[in-house]
C-alpha cells in the first residue's frame, strides 16, 4: 500500500469524524475494511463504548461482497434488538462503493436508517 493512499484515507477519516459523533440514541456505525475481511461496529462516542459489532471472520463461504452484505444484515439485526433504529454512517475514509456499499445497503434493507 502506498503511503499517499493511506494518508489520503486518514485525512478523509478525520474530516468525517469531525462531524459524526455517536450517542446512545443514535450511535456511529463504523466500518473497517481489510484486504480479507470487513468489520462493523455501533459506537457510543459520549461514553466511549462499543454497543454492537459484527465481522466476516467466521463466515467461510461466499465472495467478499456477499460476506459484507451478511455483516450489514447481522449488525442491523443486533441494532434492532438493542432498540437502535437510526445511526450515523462512518465509512472510515473508504470510498462508498464495493464492499462498503454492499454492507450499507444490506443494513438499510434490514431496517437501519442512515
N, C-alpha and C. Protein backbone atom coordinates (compact mmCIF):
# COMPACT_ATOMS: atom_id res chain seq x y z
N UNK A 1 0.84 -1.17 0.00
CA UNK A 1 0.00 0.00 0.00
C UNK A 1 0.88 1.24 0.00
N UNK A 2 0.57 2.15 -0.84
CA UNK A 2 1.37 3.37 -0.91
C UNK A 2 1.03 4.29 0.25
N UNK A 3 2.01 5.06 0.66
CA UNK A 3 1.78 5.96 1.79
C UNK A 3 0.84 7.10 1.42
N UNK A 4 0.82 7.52 0.16
CA UNK A 4 -0.10 8.56 -0.28
C UNK A 4 -1.54 8.11 -0.10
N UNK A 5 -1.81 6.86 -0.43
CA UNK A 5 -3.15 6.33 -0.33
C UNK A 5 -3.61 6.27 1.13
N UNK A 6 -2.73 5.84 2.00
CA UNK A 6 -3.05 5.75 3.42
C UNK A 6 -3.28 7.14 4.00
N UNK A 7 -2.43 8.08 3.66
CA UNK A 7 -2.57 9.44 4.18
C UNK A 7 -3.86 10.10 3.69
N UNK A 8 -4.23 9.83 2.45
CA UNK A 8 -5.48 10.39 1.92
C UNK A 8 -6.68 9.83 2.68
N UNK A 9 -6.68 8.53 2.97
CA UNK A 9 -7.77 7.91 3.71
C UNK A 9 -7.85 8.48 5.13
N UNK A 10 -6.71 8.72 5.75
CA UNK A 10 -6.69 9.28 7.11
C UNK A 10 -7.25 10.70 7.11
N UNK A 11 -6.92 11.50 6.10
CA UNK A 11 -7.46 12.85 6.01
C UNK A 11 -8.99 12.82 5.85
N UNK A 12 -9.48 11.94 4.99
CA UNK A 12 -10.92 11.81 4.80
C UNK A 12 -11.58 11.34 6.10
N UNK A 13 -10.95 10.39 6.77
CA UNK A 13 -11.47 9.86 8.03
C UNK A 13 -11.60 10.96 9.07
N UNK A 14 -10.60 11.80 9.21
CA UNK A 14 -10.65 12.90 10.18
C UNK A 14 -11.75 13.89 9.85
N UNK A 15 -11.94 14.16 8.57
CA UNK A 15 -12.97 15.10 8.15
C UNK A 15 -14.37 14.56 8.48
N UNK A 16 -14.59 13.29 8.24
CA UNK A 16 -15.88 12.67 8.52
C UNK A 16 -16.12 12.60 10.03
N UNK A 17 -15.11 12.21 10.78
CA UNK A 17 -15.25 12.05 12.23
C UNK A 17 -15.44 13.38 12.95
N UNK A 18 -15.05 14.49 12.34
CA UNK A 18 -15.24 15.80 12.97
C UNK A 18 -16.72 16.12 13.12
N UNK A 19 -17.56 15.59 12.24
CA UNK A 19 -18.99 15.89 12.25
C UNK A 19 -19.85 14.77 12.81
N UNK A 20 -19.39 13.55 12.78
CA UNK A 20 -20.20 12.41 13.20
C UNK A 20 -19.80 11.98 14.61
N UNK A 21 -20.64 12.32 15.58
CA UNK A 21 -20.43 11.89 16.96
C UNK A 21 -21.60 11.01 17.36
N UNK A 22 -21.32 9.79 17.76
CA UNK A 22 -22.37 8.86 18.12
C UNK A 22 -22.83 9.03 19.55
N UNK A 23 -24.13 8.83 19.77
CA UNK A 23 -24.71 8.85 21.10
C UNK A 23 -25.40 7.51 21.34
N UNK A 24 -25.97 7.34 22.52
CA UNK A 24 -26.66 6.08 22.81
C UNK A 24 -27.91 5.94 21.95
N UNK A 25 -28.60 7.07 21.66
CA UNK A 25 -29.81 7.02 20.84
C UNK A 25 -29.49 6.86 19.36
N UNK A 26 -28.42 7.50 18.92
CA UNK A 26 -28.01 7.45 17.51
C UNK A 26 -26.51 7.21 17.45
N UNK A 27 -26.09 5.93 17.53
CA UNK A 27 -24.65 5.63 17.55
C UNK A 27 -23.99 5.80 16.19
N UNK A 28 -22.67 5.83 16.21
CA UNK A 28 -21.88 5.90 14.99
C UNK A 28 -21.69 4.49 14.46
N UNK A 29 -21.99 4.28 13.18
CA UNK A 29 -21.88 2.98 12.52
C UNK A 29 -20.56 2.98 11.76
N UNK A 30 -19.52 2.44 12.38
CA UNK A 30 -18.18 2.48 11.83
C UNK A 30 -17.86 1.21 11.05
N UNK A 31 -17.20 1.38 9.91
CA UNK A 31 -16.84 0.25 9.04
C UNK A 31 -15.32 0.21 8.91
N UNK A 32 -14.73 -0.99 9.07
CA UNK A 32 -13.31 -1.19 8.79
C UNK A 32 -13.19 -2.29 7.76
N UNK A 33 -12.40 -2.03 6.73
CA UNK A 33 -12.25 -2.97 5.62
C UNK A 33 -10.78 -3.34 5.50
N UNK A 34 -10.48 -4.62 5.65
CA UNK A 34 -9.12 -5.09 5.38
C UNK A 34 -9.14 -5.78 4.02
N UNK A 35 -8.01 -6.31 3.62
CA UNK A 35 -7.97 -6.99 2.33
C UNK A 35 -8.80 -8.27 2.31
N UNK A 36 -8.92 -8.94 3.47
CA UNK A 36 -9.63 -10.21 3.52
C UNK A 36 -11.01 -10.11 4.16
N UNK A 37 -11.16 -9.28 5.16
CA UNK A 37 -12.38 -9.25 5.97
C UNK A 37 -12.99 -7.86 5.99
N UNK A 38 -14.19 -7.77 6.59
CA UNK A 38 -14.85 -6.48 6.81
C UNK A 38 -15.49 -6.53 8.20
N UNK A 39 -15.42 -5.41 8.90
CA UNK A 39 -15.89 -5.32 10.28
C UNK A 39 -16.81 -4.12 10.41
N UNK A 40 -17.82 -4.22 11.29
CA UNK A 40 -18.74 -3.11 11.53
C UNK A 40 -18.98 -3.00 13.03
N UNK A 41 -19.10 -1.76 13.52
CA UNK A 41 -19.35 -1.51 14.93
C UNK A 41 -20.38 -0.40 15.09
N UNK A 42 -21.16 -0.47 16.15
CA UNK A 42 -22.02 0.62 16.57
C UNK A 42 -21.38 1.20 17.82
N UNK A 43 -21.00 2.48 17.78
CA UNK A 43 -20.20 3.08 18.84
C UNK A 43 -20.93 4.28 19.45
N UNK A 44 -20.96 4.32 20.79
CA UNK A 44 -21.44 5.48 21.55
C UNK A 44 -20.21 6.30 21.92
N UNK A 45 -19.99 7.41 21.22
CA UNK A 45 -18.79 8.23 21.44
C UNK A 45 -18.86 9.02 22.74
N UNK A 46 -20.06 9.27 23.26
CA UNK A 46 -20.19 10.02 24.50
C UNK A 46 -19.60 9.21 25.66
N UNK A 47 -19.98 7.94 25.74
CA UNK A 47 -19.46 7.06 26.80
C UNK A 47 -18.17 6.36 26.40
N UNK A 48 -17.89 6.31 25.10
CA UNK A 48 -16.69 5.64 24.61
C UNK A 48 -16.80 4.13 24.65
N UNK A 49 -17.98 3.60 24.32
CA UNK A 49 -18.19 2.16 24.34
C UNK A 49 -18.74 1.67 23.00
N UNK A 50 -18.45 0.42 22.70
CA UNK A 50 -19.00 -0.23 21.52
C UNK A 50 -20.29 -0.93 21.91
N UNK A 51 -21.38 -0.58 21.26
CA UNK A 51 -22.68 -1.16 21.59
C UNK A 51 -22.89 -2.51 20.92
N UNK A 52 -22.39 -2.67 19.70
CA UNK A 52 -22.54 -3.91 18.97
C UNK A 52 -21.45 -4.00 17.91
N UNK A 53 -21.12 -5.22 17.53
CA UNK A 53 -20.12 -5.39 16.47
C UNK A 53 -20.43 -6.65 15.69
N UNK A 54 -19.90 -6.70 14.48
CA UNK A 54 -20.08 -7.84 13.60
C UNK A 54 -18.91 -7.88 12.62
N UNK A 55 -18.54 -9.07 12.19
CA UNK A 55 -17.44 -9.19 11.22
C UNK A 55 -17.65 -10.40 10.32
N UNK A 56 -16.85 -10.47 9.29
CA UNK A 56 -16.93 -11.57 8.33
C UNK A 56 -15.92 -12.66 8.62
N UNK A 57 -15.28 -12.62 9.79
CA UNK A 57 -14.21 -13.57 10.09
C UNK A 57 -14.71 -15.00 10.15
N UNK A 58 -15.87 -15.23 10.75
CA UNK A 58 -16.37 -16.59 10.95
C UNK A 58 -17.05 -17.17 9.72
N UNK A 59 -17.36 -16.34 8.74
CA UNK A 59 -18.03 -16.82 7.54
C UNK A 59 -17.02 -17.43 6.57
N UNK A 60 -17.32 -18.59 6.09
CA UNK A 60 -16.38 -19.32 5.24
C UNK A 60 -16.73 -19.22 3.76
N UNK A 61 -18.02 -19.26 3.43
CA UNK A 61 -18.43 -19.32 2.02
C UNK A 61 -18.87 -17.96 1.52
N UNK A 62 -18.75 -17.78 0.22
CA UNK A 62 -19.23 -16.57 -0.42
C UNK A 62 -18.10 -15.64 -0.81
N UNK A 63 -18.44 -14.72 -1.68
CA UNK A 63 -17.46 -13.72 -2.12
C UNK A 63 -17.34 -12.64 -1.06
N UNK A 64 -16.42 -11.73 -1.26
CA UNK A 64 -16.24 -10.63 -0.31
C UNK A 64 -17.48 -9.75 -0.25
N UNK A 65 -18.13 -9.53 -1.40
CA UNK A 65 -19.35 -8.73 -1.43
C UNK A 65 -20.48 -9.41 -0.65
N UNK A 66 -20.62 -10.72 -0.81
CA UNK A 66 -21.66 -11.45 -0.08
C UNK A 66 -21.40 -11.43 1.41
N UNK A 67 -20.13 -11.56 1.80
CA UNK A 67 -19.79 -11.50 3.23
C UNK A 67 -20.08 -10.12 3.80
N UNK A 68 -19.78 -9.07 3.04
CA UNK A 68 -20.05 -7.71 3.50
C UNK A 68 -21.55 -7.50 3.68
N UNK A 69 -22.35 -8.02 2.76
CA UNK A 69 -23.80 -7.88 2.88
C UNK A 69 -24.32 -8.62 4.10
N UNK A 70 -23.78 -9.79 4.39
CA UNK A 70 -24.25 -10.53 5.57
C UNK A 70 -23.84 -9.83 6.86
N UNK A 71 -22.68 -9.17 6.87
CA UNK A 71 -22.26 -8.39 8.05
C UNK A 71 -23.21 -7.21 8.25
N UNK A 72 -23.58 -6.54 7.19
CA UNK A 72 -24.53 -5.43 7.28
C UNK A 72 -25.88 -5.87 7.81
N UNK A 73 -26.33 -7.01 7.35
CA UNK A 73 -27.61 -7.54 7.81
C UNK A 73 -27.54 -7.92 9.29
N UNK A 74 -26.45 -8.57 9.70
CA UNK A 74 -26.34 -9.01 11.09
C UNK A 74 -26.19 -7.84 12.06
N UNK A 75 -25.46 -6.79 11.67
CA UNK A 75 -25.31 -5.63 12.56
C UNK A 75 -26.64 -4.89 12.69
N UNK A 76 -27.44 -4.87 11.63
CA UNK A 76 -28.76 -4.24 11.70
C UNK A 76 -29.70 -5.02 12.61
N UNK A 77 -29.61 -6.34 12.57
CA UNK A 77 -30.44 -7.17 13.45
C UNK A 77 -30.07 -6.96 14.91
N UNK A 78 -28.78 -6.90 15.20
CA UNK A 78 -28.32 -6.67 16.57
C UNK A 78 -28.74 -5.28 17.05
N UNK A 79 -28.68 -4.30 16.15
CA UNK A 79 -29.08 -2.94 16.50
C UNK A 79 -30.57 -2.87 16.81
N UNK A 80 -31.39 -3.54 16.03
CA UNK A 80 -32.83 -3.50 16.27
C UNK A 80 -33.19 -4.19 17.58
N UNK A 81 -32.46 -5.24 17.94
CA UNK A 81 -32.70 -5.92 19.22
C UNK A 81 -32.36 -5.01 20.40
N UNK A 82 -31.36 -4.15 20.22
CA UNK A 82 -30.96 -3.25 21.31
C UNK A 82 -31.73 -1.94 21.28
N UNK A 83 -32.67 -1.79 20.36
CA UNK A 83 -33.52 -0.61 20.32
C UNK A 83 -32.99 0.55 19.50
N UNK A 84 -31.98 0.32 18.68
CA UNK A 84 -31.41 1.38 17.84
C UNK A 84 -32.01 1.26 16.45
N UNK A 85 -32.57 2.38 15.95
CA UNK A 85 -33.16 2.33 14.62
C UNK A 85 -32.45 3.25 13.63
N UNK A 86 -31.76 4.30 14.12
CA UNK A 86 -31.04 5.17 13.20
C UNK A 86 -29.62 5.42 13.71
N UNK A 87 -28.69 5.57 12.78
CA UNK A 87 -27.26 5.68 13.11
C UNK A 87 -26.60 6.73 12.22
N UNK A 88 -25.40 7.18 12.61
CA UNK A 88 -24.54 7.98 11.75
C UNK A 88 -23.61 7.00 11.04
N UNK A 89 -23.57 7.05 9.72
CA UNK A 89 -22.71 6.13 8.97
C UNK A 89 -21.31 6.72 8.84
N UNK A 90 -20.32 5.99 9.33
CA UNK A 90 -18.92 6.39 9.27
C UNK A 90 -18.20 5.38 8.39
N UNK A 91 -17.92 5.77 7.14
CA UNK A 91 -17.27 4.84 6.22
C UNK A 91 -15.77 4.77 6.46
N UNK A 92 -15.27 5.53 7.43
CA UNK A 92 -13.89 5.43 7.89
C UNK A 92 -12.87 5.81 6.82
N UNK A 93 -13.24 6.70 5.92
CA UNK A 93 -12.33 7.16 4.89
C UNK A 93 -12.33 6.32 3.62
N UNK A 94 -13.06 5.21 3.63
CA UNK A 94 -13.13 4.37 2.44
C UNK A 94 -14.14 4.95 1.47
N UNK A 95 -13.93 4.74 0.19
CA UNK A 95 -14.86 5.19 -0.82
C UNK A 95 -16.17 4.39 -0.71
N UNK A 96 -17.27 5.04 -1.00
CA UNK A 96 -18.58 4.39 -0.88
C UNK A 96 -18.87 3.63 -2.17
N UNK A 97 -18.25 2.48 -2.30
CA UNK A 97 -18.53 1.56 -3.40
C UNK A 97 -18.01 0.20 -3.01
N UNK A 98 -18.38 -0.81 -3.76
CA UNK A 98 -17.89 -2.15 -3.49
C UNK A 98 -18.42 -2.71 -2.19
N UNK A 99 -17.50 -3.20 -1.34
CA UNK A 99 -17.89 -3.87 -0.10
C UNK A 99 -18.54 -2.92 0.90
N UNK A 100 -18.07 -1.68 0.96
CA UNK A 100 -18.65 -0.72 1.90
C UNK A 100 -20.10 -0.42 1.50
N UNK A 101 -20.35 -0.26 0.21
CA UNK A 101 -21.70 0.00 -0.28
C UNK A 101 -22.60 -1.22 -0.06
N UNK A 102 -22.08 -2.41 -0.28
CA UNK A 102 -22.86 -3.63 -0.09
C UNK A 102 -23.26 -3.78 1.38
N UNK A 103 -22.35 -3.48 2.29
CA UNK A 103 -22.63 -3.54 3.72
C UNK A 103 -23.71 -2.53 4.10
N UNK A 104 -23.58 -1.30 3.61
CA UNK A 104 -24.54 -0.25 3.92
C UNK A 104 -25.92 -0.56 3.36
N UNK A 105 -25.98 -1.04 2.13
CA UNK A 105 -27.26 -1.36 1.51
C UNK A 105 -27.97 -2.49 2.25
N UNK A 106 -27.22 -3.51 2.66
CA UNK A 106 -27.81 -4.63 3.41
C UNK A 106 -28.31 -4.18 4.77
N UNK A 107 -27.59 -3.26 5.41
CA UNK A 107 -28.04 -2.74 6.71
C UNK A 107 -29.31 -1.92 6.54
N UNK A 108 -29.41 -1.16 5.46
CA UNK A 108 -30.62 -0.38 5.20
C UNK A 108 -31.81 -1.30 4.93
N UNK A 109 -31.60 -2.35 4.15
CA UNK A 109 -32.67 -3.29 3.85
C UNK A 109 -33.16 -4.00 5.10
N UNK A 110 -32.26 -4.20 6.07
CA UNK A 110 -32.62 -4.89 7.31
C UNK A 110 -33.27 -3.95 8.32
N UNK A 111 -33.41 -2.65 7.96
CA UNK A 111 -34.17 -1.75 8.81
C UNK A 111 -33.39 -0.63 9.49
N UNK A 112 -32.09 -0.54 9.26
CA UNK A 112 -31.30 0.52 9.88
C UNK A 112 -31.42 1.79 9.04
N UNK A 113 -31.61 2.93 9.68
CA UNK A 113 -31.78 4.20 8.96
C UNK A 113 -30.55 5.08 9.11
N UNK A 114 -30.01 5.52 7.97
CA UNK A 114 -28.91 6.49 7.95
C UNK A 114 -28.82 7.16 6.61
